[in-house]
């Protein structure tokens, strides 16, 4: 049987970590053993400038990944050796769950579920779509989870000095009755100064043909403002959501300035 296991790679000079998903054959025991390999890497064993080090499994992910299917989807590095990676794994019920893991001074920590997600999603599907880290240890991530009535709800979580707080729901609970919500892109100029793009409830159509309302929400000095429609796009049944997952991007600018494309 094959299992998909995420691997981490670090480059000493590019302030970057690369993530790949390797598919290997073997026993569950060997998969678990490999996935719990240590990520510690002393400074004197760092790869030469501009060169990639050896790939390694994500520490701690084997203990979470009961169904043996996981991947790293996003990696952001504020400086060399200080990165954050996010992805997903399958729990014992084969339900996709999001995880986060931090690298500090070229040493990867242990992967954990998104803090607070157990209370929000209650074991239902959740996924991270976007991640930004303007400075080392200070990151913001966003995505969606499945609510009690099977509608998607947007969420955001943030870390301070490498520690993530509890994820919080982006839309009020009563929005669960109106359709989907999903944080699809975000950008942070500095810690506490971010703008996120949100896909709101569909105004007409269904499934892949649904047309949704596009919103922006801005954080200033650590406080998130209200959702507001994207300027220039009328909020009626002709609204077209252009934030395609993995497509729409917010580009970082000076505090309070973010470019959408």
Protein backbone atom coordinates (compact mmCIF):
# COMPACT_ATOMS: atom_id res chain seq x y z
CA UNK A 1 0.00 0.00 0.00
CA UNK A 2 1.18 3.55 -0.73
CA UNK A 3 1.17 6.48 1.67
CA UNK A 4 1.72 10.14 0.90
CA UNK A 5 4.17 11.71 3.34
CA UNK A 6 5.31 15.35 3.29
CA UNK A 7 9.03 16.13 3.37
CA UNK A 8 10.80 19.35 4.37
CA UNK A 9 13.94 20.81 2.79
CA UNK A 10 15.87 23.90 3.91
CA UNK A 11 18.18 26.25 2.04
CA UNK A 12 20.57 28.22 4.23
CA UNK A 13 20.93 31.34 2.13
CA UNK A 14 17.58 31.74 0.44
CA UNK A 15 15.60 32.22 3.68
CA UNK A 16 13.41 29.47 2.34
CA UNK A 17 12.16 25.98 3.02
CA UNK A 18 10.83 23.79 0.26
CA UNK A 19 8.07 21.27 0.76
CA UNK A 20 7.38 18.22 -1.38
CA UNK A 21 5.11 15.22 -1.05
CA UNK A 22 6.76 11.86 -1.48
CA UNK A 23 4.82 8.68 -2.18
CA UNK A 24 6.50 5.59 -0.84
CA UNK A 25 5.62 1.95 -0.39
CA UNK A 26 6.10 0.17 2.88
CA UNK A 27 4.52 -0.81 6.15
CA UNK A 28 2.62 1.49 8.49
CA UNK A 29 5.34 0.98 11.06
CA UNK A 30 8.09 2.15 8.74
CA UNK A 31 6.03 5.14 7.67
CA UNK A 32 5.48 6.17 11.27
CA UNK A 33 9.14 5.72 12.12
CA UNK A 34 10.29 7.87 9.22
CA UNK A 35 7.77 10.62 9.85
CA UNK A 36 8.94 11.14 13.41
CA UNK A 37 12.60 11.67 12.50
CA UNK A 38 14.23 14.62 14.25
CA UNK A 39 14.56 17.94 12.43
CA UNK A 40 17.37 19.37 14.54
CA UNK A 41 20.30 20.49 12.43
CA UNK A 42 23.32 22.12 14.12
CA UNK A 43 24.60 25.33 12.56
CA UNK A 44 27.88 23.74 11.52
CA UNK A 45 25.98 21.18 9.44
CA UNK A 46 23.93 23.70 7.49
CA UNK A 47 24.15 23.34 3.70
CA UNK A 48 26.43 25.79 1.89
CA UNK A 49 24.92 29.08 0.83
CA UNK A 50 22.47 28.60 -2.02
CA UNK A 51 22.29 24.83 -1.63
CA UNK A 52 19.40 22.68 -0.42
CA UNK A 53 19.88 20.38 2.53
CA UNK A 54 18.51 16.86 2.78
CA UNK A 55 14.75 16.37 2.75
CA UNK A 56 13.18 15.29 6.02
CA UNK A 57 9.69 14.20 7.09
CA UNK A 58 7.66 16.74 9.04
CA UNK A 59 8.34 16.09 12.73
CA UNK A 60 5.33 14.87 14.70
CA UNK A 61 3.06 14.47 11.70
CA UNK A 62 3.03 10.67 11.82
CA UNK A 63 1.23 10.78 15.17
CA UNK A 64 -1.53 12.94 13.67
CA UNK A 65 -1.71 11.33 10.26
CA UNK A 66 -3.61 8.18 11.22
CA UNK A 67 -4.94 7.63 7.71
CA UNK A 68 -1.39 7.95 6.24
CA UNK A 69 -2.24 10.75 3.80
CA UNK A 70 -0.75 14.19 4.38
CA UNK A 71 0.84 17.09 2.53
CA UNK A 72 2.58 20.41 3.08
CA UNK A 73 0.71 23.06 1.09
CA UNK A 74 2.37 26.37 2.02
CA UNK A 75 5.69 27.52 3.46
CA UNK A 76 6.66 31.09 4.37
CA UNK A 77 10.06 32.21 5.66
CA UNK A 78 10.64 35.63 7.20
CA UNK A 79 14.41 35.07 7.41
CA UNK A 80 16.88 32.17 6.98
CA UNK A 81 16.04 29.38 9.42
CA UNK A 82 12.77 30.94 10.57
CA UNK A 83 9.87 29.48 8.61
CA UNK A 84 6.30 28.33 9.08
CA UNK A 85 4.70 25.51 7.11
CA UNK A 86 1.06 24.47 6.93
CA UNK A 87 -0.75 21.59 5.35
CA UNK A 88 -3.25 18.86 6.02
CA UNK A 89 -3.52 15.26 7.14
CA UNK A 90 -6.27 12.66 7.46
CA UNK A 91 -7.47 11.61 10.88
CA UNK A 92 -8.78 8.19 11.90
CA UNK A 93 -12.14 8.99 10.26
CA UNK A 94 -10.41 9.94 6.99
CA UNK A 95 -11.37 13.60 7.49
CA UNK A 96 -8.96 16.31 6.36
CA UNK A 97 -7.47 18.34 9.22
CA UNK A 98 -5.09 21.31 8.98
CA UNK A 99 -1.72 21.48 10.77
CA UNK A 100 0.99 24.06 11.43
CA UNK A 101 4.71 23.66 12.17
CA UNK A 102 7.41 26.24 12.86
CA UNK A 103 11.13 26.31 12.16
CA UNK A 104 13.30 28.24 14.63
CA UNK A 105 17.01 28.77 13.99
CA UNK A 106 17.04 25.95 11.38
CA UNK A 107 15.29 23.48 13.69
CA UNK A 108 11.75 22.36 12.87
CA UNK A 109 9.34 21.96 15.75
CA UNK A 110 6.50 19.46 16.01
CA UNK A 111 3.45 19.64 13.77
CA UNK A 112 0.20 20.38 15.61
CA UNK A 113 -3.44 20.85 14.60
CA UNK A 114 -4.51 24.48 14.26
CA UNK A 115 -5.10 25.68 17.85
CA UNK A 116 -8.77 26.27 18.60
CA UNK A 117 -9.95 24.37 15.53
CA UNK A 118 -11.38 21.53 17.61
CA UNK A 119 -13.86 23.96 19.16
CA UNK A 120 -14.75 25.55 15.81
CA UNK A 121 -14.98 22.54 13.52
CA UNK A 122 -15.73 19.84 16.12
CA UNK A 123 -13.78 17.29 14.10
CA UNK A 124 -15.19 18.30 10.72
CA UNK A 125 -13.08 19.14 7.67
CA UNK A 126 -10.81 22.21 7.83
CA UNK A 127 -8.18 23.56 5.45
CA UNK A 128 -5.64 26.39 5.24
CA UNK A 129 -5.58 28.31 1.96
CA UNK A 130 -3.22 31.19 2.65
CA UNK A 131 -0.29 32.11 4.89
CA UNK A 132 1.91 35.18 5.37
CA UNK A 133 4.77 35.84 7.80
CA UNK A 134 6.02 39.45 7.68
CA UNK A 135 8.56 38.83 10.48
CA UNK A 136 10.05 35.74 12.11
CA UNK A 137 7.53 33.98 14.33
CA UNK A 138 4.69 36.35 13.47
CA UNK A 139 2.36 34.78 10.92
CA UNK A 140 -1.27 34.98 9.85
CA UNK A 141 -3.11 32.12 8.15
CA UNK A 142 -6.63 31.74 6.79
CA UNK A 143 -8.90 29.12 5.36
CA UNK A 144 -12.21 27.44 6.02
CA UNK A 145 -13.84 24.76 8.12
CA UNK A 146 -17.11 22.90 7.77
CA UNK A 147 -19.82 24.17 10.09
CA UNK A 148 -22.54 22.23 11.85
CA UNK A 149 -24.90 22.51 8.87
CA UNK A 150 -22.16 21.53 6.35
CA UNK A 151 -21.60 25.09 5.13
CA UNK A 152 -18.03 26.41 4.96
CA UNK A 153 -16.96 29.07 7.44
CA UNK A 154 -13.90 31.30 7.07
CA UNK A 155 -11.32 31.43 9.85
CA UNK A 156 -8.08 33.20 10.68
CA UNK A 157 -5.30 32.32 13.12
CA UNK A 158 -2.19 34.29 14.06
CA UNK A 159 1.09 33.58 15.79
CA UNK A 160 3.17 35.84 18.04
CA UNK A 161 6.81 34.95 18.62
CA UNK A 162 6.22 31.53 17.09
CA UNK A 163 3.13 30.62 19.13
CA UNK A 164 -0.27 30.41 17.43
CA UNK A 165 -3.33 31.54 19.35
CA UNK A 166 -6.78 30.07 18.89
CA UNK A 167 -8.31 30.28 15.43
CA UNK A 168 -11.40 32.47 15.25
CA UNK A 169 -14.41 32.45 12.97
CA UNK A 170 -14.39 35.27 10.47
CA UNK A 171 -18.14 35.52 9.94
CA UNK A 172 -20.88 35.57 12.59
CA UNK A 173 -22.43 32.22 13.38
CA UNK A 174 -25.72 33.21 11.73
CA UNK A 175 -23.92 33.31 8.38
CA UNK A 176 -23.90 29.52 8.52
CA UNK A 177 -27.46 29.64 7.20
CA UNK A 178 -26.58 31.73 4.15
CA UNK A 179 -23.90 29.66 2.45
CA UNK A 180 -20.16 29.42 2.21
CA UNK A 181 -17.40 31.66 3.46
CA UNK A 182 -13.70 31.09 2.79
CA UNK A 183 -10.51 33.09 3.39
CA UNK A 184 -8.73 32.65 0.06
CA UNK A 185 -5.83 35.13 0.19
CA UNK A 186 -4.13 37.46 2.66
CA UNK A 187 -1.16 39.77 2.98
CA UNK A 188 0.50 41.29 6.05
CA UNK A 189 2.82 44.30 5.82
CA UNK A 190 3.76 44.07 9.49
CA UNK A 191 2.48 41.98 12.40
CA UNK A 192 -1.01 43.25 13.17
CA UNK A 193 -1.45 44.91 9.77
CA UNK A 194 -3.09 42.52 7.31
CA UNK A 195 -5.72 42.41 4.61
CA UNK A 196 -7.62 39.23 3.75
CA UNK A 197 -9.75 38.36 0.74
CA UNK A 198 -12.90 36.41 1.57
CA UNK A 199 -15.25 34.47 -0.64
CA UNK A 200 -18.75 35.06 0.69
CA UNK A 201 -22.05 33.24 0.18
CA UNK A 202 -23.09 32.57 -3.44
CA UNK A 203 -25.69 34.96 -4.82
CA UNK A 204 -26.79 32.63 -7.60
CA UNK A 205 -25.94 29.27 -9.07
CA UNK A 206 -24.58 26.25 -7.27
CA UNK A 207 -21.51 24.05 -7.18
CA UNK A 208 -18.70 24.98 -9.60
CA UNK A 209 -21.03 27.41 -11.39
CA UNK A 210 -21.86 29.41 -8.26
CA UNK A 211 -21.22 33.16 -8.36
CA UNK A 212 -20.17 34.53 -4.99
CA UNK A 213 -19.70 37.87 -3.30
CA UNK A 214 -16.07 38.93 -2.82
CA UNK A 215 -15.14 40.73 0.41
CA UNK A 216 -12.05 42.28 1.96
CA UNK A 217 -11.32 42.56 5.68
CA UNK A 218 -8.45 44.62 7.10
CA UNK A 219 -6.53 44.32 10.35
CA UNK A 220 -5.01 47.53 11.75
CA UNK A 221 -2.84 47.53 14.87
CA UNK A 222 -4.06 44.06 15.77
CA UNK A 223 -7.78 44.77 15.37
CA UNK A 224 -9.84 43.33 12.52
CA UNK A 225 -12.39 45.61 10.92
CA UNK A 226 -15.69 44.66 9.27
CA UNK A 227 -16.07 42.75 6.05
CA UNK A 228 -16.60 45.08 3.10
CA UNK A 229 -17.32 44.37 -0.56
CA UNK A 230 -14.43 44.80 -2.98
CA UNK A 231 -14.58 48.40 -4.26
CA UNK A 232 -15.83 48.67 -7.81
CA UNK A 233 -17.67 45.35 -7.81
CA UNK A 234 -21.43 45.88 -7.38
CA UNK A 235 -22.96 43.77 -4.63
CA UNK A 236 -25.81 42.27 -6.61
CA UNK A 237 -26.54 39.18 -8.64
CA UNK A 238 -23.95 40.15 -11.24
CA UNK A 239 -21.13 39.94 -8.70
CA UNK A 240 -18.36 37.61 -9.80
CA UNK A 241 -15.89 36.30 -7.26
CA UNK A 242 -12.44 36.48 -8.84
CA UNK A 243 -10.60 35.02 -5.86
CA UNK A 244 -9.99 31.53 -7.12
CA UNK A 245 -8.25 29.29 -4.61
CA UNK A 246 -4.55 29.35 -5.40
CA UNK A 247 -5.14 32.05 -7.99
CA UNK A 248 -6.18 35.40 -6.54
CA UNK A 249 -3.31 37.13 -4.75
CA UNK A 250 -2.81 40.01 -2.37
CA UNK A 251 0.58 41.67 -2.69
CA UNK A 252 2.33 43.10 0.34
CA UNK A 253 2.85 46.86 0.52
CA UNK A 254 3.51 49.40 3.21
CA UNK A 255 1.21 49.30 6.27
CA UNK A 256 -2.38 49.80 5.18
CA UNK A 257 -1.59 49.31 1.48
CA UNK A 258 -2.18 45.97 -0.23
CA UNK A 259 -2.55 45.35 -3.95
CA UNK A 260 -5.10 42.89 -5.19
CA UNK A 261 -4.76 41.01 -8.44
